[in-house]
Amino acid sequence: MAKLAPAKEKQDIKPAPQSGANEKEPELKGAFASVMILGAFILITWFGVFALYLIRS
């Protein structure tokens, strides 16, 4: 049977130093608006299909 190698010790993972303390986070207003529009589309579609189900039954 093959011998297993001993487990390696865990290495401490340190976060990389930040290159600039004054870096701004990216603007996510466009992403937020896109997600809201997509969510509204899904809700409208869902309620439309539900209304068709109620009308036809």
C-alpha atoms as a PDB file:
ATOM      1  CA  MET A   1       0.000   0.000   0.000  1.00  0.00           C
ATOM      2  CA  ALA A   2       1.299   3.480  -0.824  1.00  0.00           C
ATOM      3  CA  LYS A   3       2.541   5.635   2.026  1.00  0.00           C
ATOM      4  CA  LEU A   4       0.914   9.005   2.509  1.00  0.00           C
ATOM      5  CA  ALA A   5       3.098  12.052   2.810  1.00  0.00           C
ATOM      6  CA  PRO A   6       2.874  13.867   6.152  1.00  0.00           C
ATOM      7  CA  ALA A   7       0.467  16.784   6.210  1.00  0.00           C
ATOM      8  CA  LYS A   8       2.108  20.123   5.599  1.00  0.00           C
ATOM      9  CA  GLU A   9       1.779  22.784   8.241  1.00  0.00           C
ATOM     10  CA  LYS A  10      -0.713  25.520   7.512  1.00  0.00           C
ATOM     11  CA  GLN A  11       0.887  28.628   6.144  1.00  0.00           C
ATOM     12  CA  ASP A  12      -0.315  31.954   7.428  1.00  0.00           C
ATOM     13  CA  ILE A  13      -1.950  33.867   4.610  1.00  0.00           C
ATOM     14  CA  LYS A  14      -1.470  37.571   5.056  1.00  0.00           C
ATOM     15  CA  PRO A  15      -3.494  40.115   3.092  1.00  0.00           C
ATOM     16  CA  ALA A  16      -1.550  42.007   0.484  1.00  0.00           C
ATOM     17  CA  PRO A  17      -0.631  45.514   1.572  1.00  0.00           C
ATOM     18  CA  GLN A  18      -2.808  48.176   0.043  1.00  0.00           C
ATOM     19  CA  SER A  19      -1.013  50.173  -2.593  1.00  0.00           C
ATOM     20  CA  GLY A  20      -2.880  53.390  -1.832  1.00  0.00           C
ATOM     21  CA  ALA A  21      -4.798  54.234   1.304  1.00  0.00           C
ATOM     22  CA  ASN A  22      -6.950  56.768  -0.564  1.00  0.00           C
ATOM     23  CA  GLU A  23      -8.234  54.402  -3.263  1.00  0.00           C
ATOM     24  CA  LYS A  24     -11.955  54.741  -3.845  1.00  0.00           C
ATOM     25  CA  GLU A  25     -14.294  51.813  -4.286  1.00  0.00           C
ATOM     26  CA  PRO A  26     -15.761  51.515  -7.788  1.00  0.00           C
ATOM     27  CA  GLU A  27     -19.110  53.142  -8.504  1.00  0.00           C
ATOM     28  CA  LEU A  28     -21.806  50.479  -8.532  1.00  0.00           C
ATOM     29  CA  LYS A  29     -24.818  52.650  -9.315  1.00  0.00           C
ATOM     30  CA  GLY A  30     -25.109  51.214 -12.821  1.00  0.00           C
ATOM     31  CA  ALA A  31     -24.929  47.644 -11.545  1.00  0.00           C
ATOM     32  CA  PHE A  32     -27.581  48.390  -8.908  1.00  0.00           C
ATOM     33  CA  ALA A  33     -29.889  49.935 -11.504  1.00  0.00           C
ATOM     34  CA  SER A  34     -29.413  46.949 -13.828  1.00  0.00           C
ATOM     35  CA  VAL A  35     -30.252  44.492 -11.058  1.00  0.00           C
ATOM     36  CA  MET A  36     -33.360  46.494 -10.109  1.00  0.00           C
ATOM     37  CA  ILE A  37     -34.545  46.612 -13.729  1.00  0.00           C
ATOM     38  CA  LEU A  38     -33.979  42.868 -14.104  1.00  0.00           C
ATOM     39  CA  GLY A  39     -35.828  42.199 -10.839  1.00  0.00           C
ATOM     40  CA  ALA A  40     -38.761  44.351 -11.950  1.00  0.00           C
ATOM     41  CA  PHE A  41     -38.887  42.484 -15.264  1.00  0.00           C
ATOM     42  CA  ILE A  42     -38.938  39.121 -13.474  1.00  0.00           C
ATOM     43  CA  LEU A  43     -41.712  40.265 -11.107  1.00  0.00           C
ATOM     44  CA  ILE A  44     -43.839  41.688 -13.919  1.00  0.00           C
ATOM     45  CA  THR A  45     -43.384  38.487 -15.932  1.00  0.00           C
ATOM     46  CA  TRP A  46     -44.240  36.307 -12.927  1.00  0.00           C
ATOM     47  CA  PHE A  47     -47.404  38.261 -12.132  1.00  0.00           C
ATOM     48  CA  GLY A  48     -48.375  38.230 -15.819  1.00  0.00           C
ATOM     49  CA  VAL A  49     -48.101  34.451 -16.005  1.00  0.00           C
ATOM     50  CA  PHE A  50     -49.963  34.129 -12.696  1.00  0.00           C
ATOM     51  CA  ALA A  51     -52.768  36.348 -14.025  1.00  0.00           C
ATOM     52  CA  LEU A  52     -53.014  34.160 -17.146  1.00  0.00           C
ATOM     53  CA  TYR A  53     -53.218  31.099 -14.917  1.00  0.00           C
ATOM     54  CA  LEU A  54     -56.050  32.644 -12.892  1.00  0.00           C
ATOM     55  CA  ILE A  55     -57.960  33.807 -15.969  1.00  0.00           C
ATOM     56  CA  ARG A  56     -57.760  30.451 -17.767  1.00  0.00           C
ATOM     57  CA  SER A  57     -58.650  28.253 -14.794  1.00  0.00           C
END
